[in-house]
Amino acid sequence: MSKEHLATKDDAICRGYGAQPGSDVYIQCRVSQDRRRDAVRNAPSDPIVSPAPAAASMAPMPNILPQTTKMPVGAGWHGNVADGLPIRALSP
């Protein structure tokens, strides 16, 4: 694409965002379009992809969430109890 065509395309993109030519937002938009294009152009053509880990080497993940248990209603506390701490108390 020619530079003129790219400039026209970038102008349309930035105006589409509502930026007015000459405003700070418009200038930032045009700069970000240039940077995006440079990043795409400079990206490796064949990115390195790491191989998937072998299934045998994958250990199960430990349960790191607190376990929730139910207490009987007549025990003086009502509701869920997480890590042994009552959630709310019933009035006597």
Protein backbone atom coordinates (compact mmCIF):
# COMPACT_ATOMS: atom_id res chain seq x y z
CA MET A 1 0.00 0.00 0.00
CA SER A 2 1.19 3.49 -0.74
CA LYS A 3 1.81 6.00 2.04
CA GLU A 4 -1.08 8.11 0.77
CA HIS A 5 -3.44 5.14 0.91
CA LEU A 6 -2.30 4.29 4.46
CA ALA A 7 -2.73 7.92 5.54
CA THR A 8 -6.27 7.97 4.11
CA LYS A 9 -7.11 4.71 5.86
CA ASP A 10 -5.66 5.90 9.20
CA ASP A 11 -7.54 9.20 8.84
CA ALA A 12 -10.81 7.31 8.32
CA ILE A 13 -10.14 5.08 11.33
CA CYS A 14 -9.38 7.99 13.64
CA ARG A 15 -12.33 10.05 12.39
CA GLY A 16 -14.48 6.95 12.89
CA TYR A 17 -13.52 7.07 16.57
CA GLY A 18 -14.78 10.66 16.65
CA ALA A 19 -11.35 12.33 16.71
CA GLN A 20 -11.14 15.67 14.95
CA PRO A 21 -8.07 16.34 12.76
CA GLY A 22 -5.54 18.49 14.61
CA SER A 23 -6.77 17.53 18.09
CA ASP A 24 -4.52 15.73 20.56
CA VAL A 25 -6.77 12.66 20.41
CA TYR A 26 -6.52 12.56 16.61
CA ILE A 27 -2.72 12.84 16.72
CA GLN A 28 -2.50 10.08 19.35
CA CYS A 29 -4.77 7.91 17.21
CA ARG A 30 -2.60 8.40 14.13
CA VAL A 31 0.56 7.61 16.11
CA SER A 32 -1.03 4.46 17.52
CA GLN A 33 -1.99 3.38 13.98
CA ASP A 34 1.65 3.81 12.89
CA ARG A 35 2.91 1.85 15.91
CA ARG A 36 0.39 -0.94 15.35
CA ARG A 37 1.42 -1.22 11.71
CA ASP A 38 5.13 -1.24 12.68
CA ALA A 39 4.50 -3.97 15.27
CA VAL A 40 2.74 -6.13 12.69
CA ARG A 41 5.45 -5.50 10.12
CA ASN A 42 8.25 -6.32 12.59
CA ALA A 43 6.58 -9.41 14.05
CA PRO A 44 8.36 -12.67 13.29
CA SER A 45 6.85 -14.46 10.33
CA ASP A 46 7.09 -17.84 12.07
CA PRO A 47 6.49 -17.31 15.79
CA ILE A 48 8.04 -19.81 18.14
CA VAL A 49 5.37 -22.02 19.62
CA SER A 50 6.21 -23.92 22.77
CA PRO A 51 5.31 -27.60 22.65
CA ALA A 52 2.37 -28.80 24.70
CA PRO A 53 3.40 -30.42 28.00
CA ALA A 54 3.26 -34.20 28.15
CA ALA A 55 0.13 -35.50 29.87
CA ALA A 56 2.15 -37.75 32.20
CA SER A 57 4.09 -34.80 33.60
CA MET A 58 1.00 -32.81 34.50
CA ALA A 59 0.20 -33.14 38.19
CA PRO A 60 -3.30 -32.34 39.44
CA MET A 61 -3.77 -28.84 40.79
CA PRO A 62 -4.18 -28.62 44.57
CA ASN A 63 -7.49 -27.36 45.94
CA ILE A 64 -6.70 -23.91 47.29
CA LEU A 65 -10.27 -22.84 48.02
CA PRO A 66 -11.55 -23.12 51.61
CA GLN A 67 -13.88 -26.02 52.17
CA THR A 68 -17.45 -25.13 53.18
CA THR A 69 -19.46 -27.32 55.51
CA LYS A 70 -23.02 -27.12 56.84
CA MET A 71 -23.70 -27.02 60.56
CA PRO A 72 -26.94 -28.26 62.08
CA VAL A 73 -29.54 -25.53 62.69
CA GLY A 74 -29.90 -26.44 66.37
CA ALA A 75 -26.18 -25.93 67.04
CA GLY A 76 -26.62 -22.21 67.78
CA TRP A 77 -25.20 -21.06 64.47
CA HIS A 78 -26.99 -21.07 61.16
CA GLY A 79 -25.70 -21.17 57.60
CA ASN A 80 -22.39 -22.06 56.03
CA VAL A 81 -19.16 -22.22 57.93
CA ALA A 82 -15.91 -21.65 56.04
CA ASP A 83 -12.64 -22.62 57.71
CA GLY A 84 -14.43 -23.03 61.04
CA LEU A 85 -15.62 -19.42 61.18
CA PRO A 86 -19.37 -18.88 61.40
CA ILE A 87 -20.97 -16.76 58.71
CA ARG A 88 -23.87 -15.39 60.80
CA ALA A 89 -25.52 -16.20 64.12
CA LEU A 90 -29.18 -16.80 64.86
CA SER A 91 -30.72 -14.79 67.62
CA PRO A 92 -31.61 -17.06 70.60
